[in-house]
N, C-alpha and C. Protein backbone atom coordinates (compact mmCIF):
# COMPACT_ATOMS: atom_id res chain seq x y z
N MET A 1 -70.88 14.17 -74.49
CA MET A 1 -69.56 14.05 -74.97
C MET A 1 -69.17 15.24 -75.85
N ALA A 2 -68.14 15.94 -75.51
CA ALA A 2 -67.72 17.09 -76.24
C ALA A 2 -66.80 16.78 -77.41
N VAL A 3 -66.81 17.58 -78.35
CA VAL A 3 -65.90 17.35 -79.48
C VAL A 3 -64.97 18.58 -79.61
N HIS A 4 -63.67 18.30 -79.51
CA HIS A 4 -62.67 19.37 -79.60
C HIS A 4 -62.77 20.06 -80.93
N ASP A 5 -62.73 21.43 -81.02
CA ASP A 5 -62.83 22.19 -82.22
C ASP A 5 -61.79 21.71 -83.29
N ASP A 6 -60.65 21.39 -82.82
CA ASP A 6 -59.59 20.90 -83.74
C ASP A 6 -60.03 19.72 -84.56
N CYS A 7 -60.90 18.88 -84.01
CA CYS A 7 -61.35 17.72 -84.77
C CYS A 7 -62.13 18.23 -86.02
N LYS A 8 -62.99 19.17 -85.89
CA LYS A 8 -63.75 19.63 -86.98
C LYS A 8 -62.93 20.38 -87.98
N LEU A 9 -61.99 21.20 -87.49
CA LEU A 9 -61.12 21.97 -88.36
C LEU A 9 -60.22 21.07 -89.23
N ARG A 10 -59.64 20.09 -88.56
CA ARG A 10 -58.72 19.11 -89.33
C ARG A 10 -59.55 18.26 -90.33
N PHE A 11 -60.78 17.99 -89.98
CA PHE A 11 -61.63 17.24 -90.92
C PHE A 11 -61.95 18.00 -92.13
N LEU A 12 -62.24 19.32 -91.90
CA LEU A 12 -62.48 20.23 -93.02
C LEU A 12 -61.28 20.36 -93.95
N GLU A 13 -60.10 20.32 -93.33
CA GLU A 13 -58.90 20.42 -94.17
C GLU A 13 -58.69 19.11 -94.97
N LEU A 14 -58.95 17.95 -94.34
CA LEU A 14 -58.93 16.70 -95.10
C LEU A 14 -59.92 16.73 -96.22
N LYS A 15 -61.10 17.18 -95.98
CA LYS A 15 -62.17 17.16 -97.00
C LYS A 15 -61.92 18.14 -98.13
N ALA A 16 -61.58 19.41 -97.76
CA ALA A 16 -61.43 20.48 -98.77
C ALA A 16 -60.12 20.63 -99.40
N LYS A 17 -59.09 20.50 -98.55
CA LYS A 17 -57.70 20.74 -99.07
C LYS A 17 -56.88 19.54 -99.27
N ARG A 18 -57.42 18.35 -98.76
CA ARG A 18 -56.73 17.02 -98.84
C ARG A 18 -55.34 17.10 -98.24
N ASN A 19 -55.26 17.78 -97.09
CA ASN A 19 -53.95 17.95 -96.38
C ASN A 19 -53.55 16.64 -95.67
N PHE A 20 -54.50 15.79 -95.39
CA PHE A 20 -54.30 14.55 -94.72
C PHE A 20 -54.94 13.34 -95.34
N ARG A 21 -54.33 12.18 -95.26
CA ARG A 21 -55.00 10.99 -95.82
C ARG A 21 -56.03 10.43 -94.76
N TYR A 22 -55.63 10.53 -93.48
CA TYR A 22 -56.52 10.04 -92.49
C TYR A 22 -56.35 10.79 -91.18
N ILE A 23 -57.34 10.66 -90.32
CA ILE A 23 -57.28 11.27 -88.97
C ILE A 23 -57.83 10.15 -88.01
N ILE A 24 -57.10 9.94 -86.92
CA ILE A 24 -57.57 8.99 -85.95
C ILE A 24 -57.93 9.76 -84.66
N PHE A 25 -59.14 9.55 -84.13
CA PHE A 25 -59.61 10.25 -83.01
C PHE A 25 -59.78 9.34 -81.78
N LYS A 26 -59.57 9.87 -80.63
CA LYS A 26 -59.85 9.07 -79.41
C LYS A 26 -60.65 9.90 -78.42
N ILE A 27 -61.27 9.20 -77.47
CA ILE A 27 -62.07 9.91 -76.44
C ILE A 27 -61.14 10.02 -75.21
N GLU A 28 -60.96 11.20 -74.74
CA GLU A 28 -60.05 11.47 -73.63
C GLU A 28 -60.69 12.49 -72.67
N ALA A 29 -60.94 12.12 -71.45
CA ALA A 29 -61.49 13.10 -70.45
C ALA A 29 -62.87 13.56 -71.00
N GLN A 30 -63.73 12.69 -71.41
CA GLN A 30 -65.12 13.05 -71.88
C GLN A 30 -65.09 13.99 -73.08
N GLN A 31 -63.99 13.92 -73.93
CA GLN A 31 -63.92 14.72 -75.09
C GLN A 31 -63.23 14.00 -76.19
N VAL A 32 -63.78 14.19 -77.45
CA VAL A 32 -63.15 13.54 -78.61
C VAL A 32 -61.98 14.47 -79.06
N VAL A 33 -60.79 13.93 -79.18
CA VAL A 33 -59.58 14.64 -79.56
C VAL A 33 -58.89 13.85 -80.65
N ILE A 34 -57.98 14.56 -81.37
CA ILE A 34 -57.24 13.93 -82.41
C ILE A 34 -55.97 13.16 -81.85
N GLU A 35 -55.85 11.96 -82.28
CA GLU A 35 -54.69 11.16 -81.84
C GLU A 35 -53.59 11.21 -82.84
N LYS A 36 -53.94 11.06 -84.16
CA LYS A 36 -52.95 11.02 -85.23
C LYS A 36 -53.45 11.60 -86.48
N LEU A 37 -52.65 12.34 -87.20
CA LEU A 37 -52.93 12.77 -88.61
C LEU A 37 -52.01 12.07 -89.55
N GLY A 38 -52.58 11.49 -90.59
CA GLY A 38 -51.77 10.84 -91.63
C GLY A 38 -51.45 11.74 -92.76
N SER A 39 -50.24 11.82 -93.17
CA SER A 39 -49.89 12.65 -94.28
C SER A 39 -50.53 12.16 -95.59
N PRO A 40 -50.73 13.00 -96.64
CA PRO A 40 -51.47 12.61 -97.90
C PRO A 40 -50.83 11.41 -98.61
N ASP A 41 -49.50 11.20 -98.37
CA ASP A 41 -48.91 10.07 -99.13
C ASP A 41 -48.89 8.79 -98.37
N GLU A 42 -49.52 8.69 -97.19
CA GLU A 42 -49.56 7.42 -96.38
C GLU A 42 -50.51 6.51 -97.04
N SER A 43 -50.25 5.19 -96.86
CA SER A 43 -51.09 4.13 -97.43
C SER A 43 -52.11 3.67 -96.51
N TYR A 44 -53.09 2.89 -96.94
CA TYR A 44 -54.17 2.38 -96.12
C TYR A 44 -53.50 1.39 -95.13
N GLU A 45 -52.47 0.71 -95.47
CA GLU A 45 -51.83 -0.19 -94.52
C GLU A 45 -51.21 0.57 -93.42
N ALA A 46 -50.65 1.70 -93.64
CA ALA A 46 -50.06 2.59 -92.64
C ALA A 46 -51.20 3.02 -91.65
N PHE A 47 -52.33 3.35 -92.25
CA PHE A 47 -53.51 3.79 -91.47
C PHE A 47 -53.98 2.64 -90.52
N THR A 48 -54.16 1.47 -91.09
CA THR A 48 -54.66 0.37 -90.22
C THR A 48 -53.64 -0.03 -89.15
N GLY A 49 -52.35 0.14 -89.52
CA GLY A 49 -51.34 -0.23 -88.55
C GLY A 49 -51.25 0.86 -87.39
N SER A 50 -51.88 1.93 -87.59
CA SER A 50 -51.89 3.08 -86.60
C SER A 50 -53.00 2.87 -85.51
N LEU A 51 -53.93 2.03 -85.80
CA LEU A 51 -55.04 1.74 -84.92
C LEU A 51 -54.52 0.77 -83.79
N PRO A 52 -54.78 1.12 -82.57
CA PRO A 52 -54.37 0.15 -81.45
C PRO A 52 -55.12 -1.14 -81.51
N ALA A 53 -54.41 -2.20 -81.19
CA ALA A 53 -55.01 -3.54 -81.22
C ALA A 53 -56.10 -3.80 -80.20
N ASP A 54 -56.03 -3.07 -79.06
CA ASP A 54 -56.96 -3.40 -77.98
C ASP A 54 -57.58 -2.15 -77.37
N GLU A 55 -57.75 -1.08 -78.18
CA GLU A 55 -58.51 0.11 -77.73
C GLU A 55 -59.40 0.62 -78.84
N CYS A 56 -60.53 1.14 -78.52
CA CYS A 56 -61.44 1.68 -79.47
C CYS A 56 -60.91 3.08 -80.02
N ARG A 57 -61.33 3.34 -81.26
CA ARG A 57 -61.02 4.65 -81.91
C ARG A 57 -62.07 4.95 -82.93
N TYR A 58 -62.10 6.25 -83.26
CA TYR A 58 -62.89 6.67 -84.45
C TYR A 58 -61.83 7.09 -85.47
N ALA A 59 -62.12 6.96 -86.74
CA ALA A 59 -61.19 7.45 -87.73
C ALA A 59 -61.91 7.85 -89.01
N VAL A 60 -61.29 8.74 -89.77
CA VAL A 60 -61.78 9.05 -91.10
C VAL A 60 -60.59 8.86 -92.06
N PHE A 61 -60.89 8.26 -93.19
CA PHE A 61 -59.95 7.95 -94.19
C PHE A 61 -60.42 8.50 -95.54
N ASP A 62 -59.53 9.17 -96.28
CA ASP A 62 -59.85 9.68 -97.63
C ASP A 62 -59.34 8.62 -98.59
N PHE A 63 -60.29 7.87 -99.18
CA PHE A 63 -59.87 6.70 -100.01
C PHE A 63 -60.02 7.08 -101.46
N ASP A 64 -58.88 6.98 -102.20
CA ASP A 64 -58.86 7.24 -103.67
C ASP A 64 -59.05 5.96 -104.38
N PHE A 65 -59.82 5.96 -105.45
CA PHE A 65 -59.99 4.73 -106.26
C PHE A 65 -60.38 5.08 -107.70
N ILE A 66 -60.33 4.07 -108.58
CA ILE A 66 -60.66 4.27 -109.95
C ILE A 66 -61.89 3.45 -110.29
N THR A 67 -62.91 4.07 -110.81
CA THR A 67 -64.14 3.39 -111.13
C THR A 67 -63.98 2.49 -112.39
N ALA A 68 -65.03 1.69 -112.66
CA ALA A 68 -65.00 0.77 -113.83
C ALA A 68 -64.90 1.62 -115.11
N GLU A 69 -65.38 2.84 -115.06
CA GLU A 69 -65.34 3.70 -116.23
C GLU A 69 -64.00 4.49 -116.34
N ASN A 70 -63.09 4.07 -115.46
CA ASN A 70 -61.69 4.63 -115.45
C ASN A 70 -61.61 6.11 -114.93
N CYS A 71 -62.57 6.47 -114.01
CA CYS A 71 -62.57 7.75 -113.46
C CYS A 71 -61.89 7.76 -112.10
N GLN A 72 -61.08 8.68 -111.82
CA GLN A 72 -60.46 8.84 -110.48
C GLN A 72 -61.46 9.50 -109.57
N LYS A 73 -61.73 8.81 -108.41
CA LYS A 73 -62.66 9.25 -107.42
C LYS A 73 -62.08 9.13 -106.07
N SER A 74 -62.83 9.71 -105.11
CA SER A 74 -62.41 9.65 -103.69
C SER A 74 -63.63 9.69 -102.83
N LYS A 75 -63.60 8.89 -101.78
CA LYS A 75 -64.70 8.82 -100.81
C LYS A 75 -64.14 8.99 -99.38
N ILE A 76 -64.83 9.64 -98.54
CA ILE A 76 -64.35 9.77 -97.18
C ILE A 76 -65.13 8.75 -96.26
N PHE A 77 -64.33 7.82 -95.71
CA PHE A 77 -64.88 6.78 -94.85
C PHE A 77 -64.83 7.24 -93.38
N PHE A 78 -65.87 6.92 -92.67
CA PHE A 78 -65.77 7.00 -91.20
C PHE A 78 -65.73 5.61 -90.66
N ILE A 79 -64.72 5.33 -89.86
CA ILE A 79 -64.52 4.02 -89.35
C ILE A 79 -64.65 4.03 -87.83
N ALA A 80 -65.52 3.16 -87.29
CA ALA A 80 -65.70 3.00 -85.89
C ALA A 80 -64.89 1.68 -85.52
N TRP A 81 -63.74 1.87 -84.91
CA TRP A 81 -62.83 0.70 -84.63
C TRP A 81 -63.14 0.35 -83.16
N SER A 82 -63.64 -0.85 -82.96
CA SER A 82 -63.96 -1.35 -81.62
C SER A 82 -63.55 -2.85 -81.56
N PRO A 83 -62.22 -3.08 -81.33
CA PRO A 83 -61.81 -4.47 -81.26
C PRO A 83 -62.41 -5.24 -80.16
N ASP A 84 -62.52 -6.56 -80.36
CA ASP A 84 -63.15 -7.50 -79.40
C ASP A 84 -62.31 -7.41 -78.08
N THR A 85 -61.01 -7.12 -78.17
CA THR A 85 -60.15 -7.24 -76.99
C THR A 85 -60.21 -5.88 -76.21
N ALA A 86 -60.97 -4.89 -76.65
CA ALA A 86 -61.08 -3.59 -75.88
C ALA A 86 -61.91 -3.81 -74.61
N LYS A 87 -61.76 -2.91 -73.66
CA LYS A 87 -62.53 -3.04 -72.41
C LYS A 87 -64.01 -2.75 -72.74
N VAL A 88 -64.90 -3.43 -72.04
CA VAL A 88 -66.32 -3.35 -72.29
C VAL A 88 -66.80 -1.86 -72.12
N ARG A 89 -66.35 -1.24 -71.05
CA ARG A 89 -66.74 0.17 -70.76
C ARG A 89 -66.31 1.02 -71.95
N SER A 90 -65.09 0.89 -72.46
CA SER A 90 -64.62 1.66 -73.60
C SER A 90 -65.52 1.51 -74.76
N LYS A 91 -65.83 0.21 -75.10
CA LYS A 91 -66.74 -0.08 -76.29
C LYS A 91 -68.10 0.64 -76.11
N MET A 92 -68.63 0.63 -74.90
CA MET A 92 -69.90 1.24 -74.66
C MET A 92 -69.87 2.74 -74.83
N VAL A 93 -68.75 3.36 -74.34
CA VAL A 93 -68.60 4.89 -74.52
C VAL A 93 -68.53 5.20 -75.97
N TYR A 94 -67.67 4.46 -76.70
CA TYR A 94 -67.53 4.79 -78.13
C TYR A 94 -68.81 4.51 -78.95
N ALA A 95 -69.49 3.46 -78.62
CA ALA A 95 -70.73 3.10 -79.31
C ALA A 95 -71.80 4.20 -79.05
N SER A 96 -71.89 4.62 -77.82
CA SER A 96 -72.99 5.59 -77.49
C SER A 96 -72.70 7.02 -77.98
N SER A 97 -71.39 7.31 -78.26
CA SER A 97 -71.03 8.63 -78.65
C SER A 97 -70.84 8.76 -80.23
N LYS A 98 -70.86 7.64 -80.91
CA LYS A 98 -70.49 7.61 -82.36
C LYS A 98 -71.41 8.47 -83.20
N ASP A 99 -72.69 8.37 -83.05
CA ASP A 99 -73.59 9.14 -83.91
C ASP A 99 -73.47 10.60 -83.73
N ARG A 100 -73.36 11.03 -82.48
CA ARG A 100 -73.22 12.45 -82.18
C ARG A 100 -71.96 13.02 -82.77
N PHE A 101 -70.87 12.25 -82.65
CA PHE A 101 -69.56 12.66 -83.21
C PHE A 101 -69.64 12.73 -84.73
N LYS A 102 -70.19 11.75 -85.34
CA LYS A 102 -70.25 11.66 -86.77
C LYS A 102 -71.02 12.83 -87.35
N ARG A 103 -72.09 13.26 -86.64
CA ARG A 103 -72.86 14.43 -87.11
C ARG A 103 -72.04 15.70 -87.12
N GLU A 104 -71.00 15.81 -86.29
CA GLU A 104 -70.12 16.94 -86.30
C GLU A 104 -69.26 17.03 -87.54
N LEU A 105 -69.06 15.86 -88.19
CA LEU A 105 -68.12 15.81 -89.33
C LEU A 105 -69.01 15.76 -90.60
N ASP A 106 -69.28 16.89 -91.16
CA ASP A 106 -70.19 16.97 -92.35
C ASP A 106 -69.39 16.60 -93.61
N GLY A 107 -69.86 15.51 -94.24
CA GLY A 107 -69.11 15.11 -95.47
C GLY A 107 -68.73 13.70 -95.46
N ILE A 108 -69.10 12.97 -94.51
CA ILE A 108 -68.83 11.49 -94.42
C ILE A 108 -69.65 10.83 -95.45
N GLN A 109 -69.00 10.00 -96.28
CA GLN A 109 -69.73 9.32 -97.35
C GLN A 109 -70.07 7.82 -97.08
N VAL A 110 -69.19 7.20 -96.40
CA VAL A 110 -69.38 5.76 -96.12
C VAL A 110 -69.04 5.48 -94.68
N GLU A 111 -69.78 4.65 -93.96
CA GLU A 111 -69.50 4.31 -92.61
C GLU A 111 -69.15 2.80 -92.54
N LEU A 112 -68.12 2.53 -91.72
CA LEU A 112 -67.65 1.17 -91.59
C LEU A 112 -67.49 0.85 -90.10
N GLN A 113 -67.97 -0.22 -89.65
CA GLN A 113 -67.81 -0.60 -88.20
C GLN A 113 -66.86 -1.84 -88.27
N ALA A 114 -65.80 -1.84 -87.48
CA ALA A 114 -64.88 -2.98 -87.49
C ALA A 114 -64.55 -3.41 -86.10
N THR A 115 -64.51 -4.73 -85.86
CA THR A 115 -64.04 -5.20 -84.56
C THR A 115 -62.70 -6.03 -84.71
N ASP A 116 -62.33 -6.31 -85.96
CA ASP A 116 -61.00 -6.84 -86.16
C ASP A 116 -60.54 -6.38 -87.62
N PRO A 117 -59.20 -6.52 -87.78
CA PRO A 117 -58.72 -5.93 -89.12
C PRO A 117 -59.34 -6.52 -90.35
N SER A 118 -59.80 -7.70 -90.30
CA SER A 118 -60.40 -8.37 -91.48
C SER A 118 -61.68 -7.63 -91.93
N GLU A 119 -62.35 -6.97 -90.97
CA GLU A 119 -63.59 -6.31 -91.31
C GLU A 119 -63.39 -4.94 -91.93
N MET A 120 -62.10 -4.51 -92.04
CA MET A 120 -61.90 -3.26 -92.72
C MET A 120 -60.72 -3.42 -93.70
N SER A 121 -60.64 -4.61 -94.29
CA SER A 121 -59.54 -4.88 -95.31
C SER A 121 -59.74 -3.99 -96.45
N ILE A 122 -58.69 -3.87 -97.24
CA ILE A 122 -58.71 -2.92 -98.36
C ILE A 122 -59.78 -3.38 -99.37
N ASP A 123 -59.99 -4.72 -99.48
CA ASP A 123 -61.02 -5.24 -100.42
C ASP A 123 -62.42 -4.85 -100.00
N ILE A 124 -62.69 -4.86 -98.71
CA ILE A 124 -64.02 -4.39 -98.19
C ILE A 124 -64.15 -2.90 -98.42
N VAL A 125 -63.12 -2.13 -98.17
CA VAL A 125 -63.18 -0.64 -98.44
C VAL A 125 -63.46 -0.38 -99.89
N LYS A 126 -62.73 -1.06 -100.78
CA LYS A 126 -62.98 -0.91 -102.23
C LYS A 126 -64.39 -1.24 -102.60
N GLY A 127 -64.87 -2.35 -102.06
CA GLY A 127 -66.29 -2.76 -102.32
C GLY A 127 -67.31 -1.75 -101.90
N ARG A 128 -67.11 -1.18 -100.71
CA ARG A 128 -68.03 -0.16 -100.22
C ARG A 128 -67.98 1.17 -100.97
N ALA A 129 -66.72 1.47 -101.54
CA ALA A 129 -66.56 2.67 -102.24
C ALA A 129 -67.25 2.74 -103.59
N LEU A 130 -67.33 1.62 -104.25
CA LEU A 130 -67.88 1.53 -105.61
C LEU A 130 -69.36 1.57 -105.68
């Protein structure tokens, strides 16, 4: 499975320059490509609403939060979205390519696997970030 160079470049921009809040990736013609870039002011709800209900995707989300010590922090989440309603073949392709793709994105801090929206609710994300 090839990874388009743009995927790595945009991820570096998200990580270093914070140009994007999130990036959604899809596999197309045996290659991982960018499907959507979220602007820095987009919410987590806008991000989850951008994921298709019945197709697999990879995504990275730059999550800002405040610690118990009142410090502003941020963590980059890698989310493997694999809804139960997706085609079995698609789920297999995404599952078998995930680790290789994730290795291309240096700087992922938290990984989340979700098969339905409740598995990646804002409360779960906050809990994993702290």
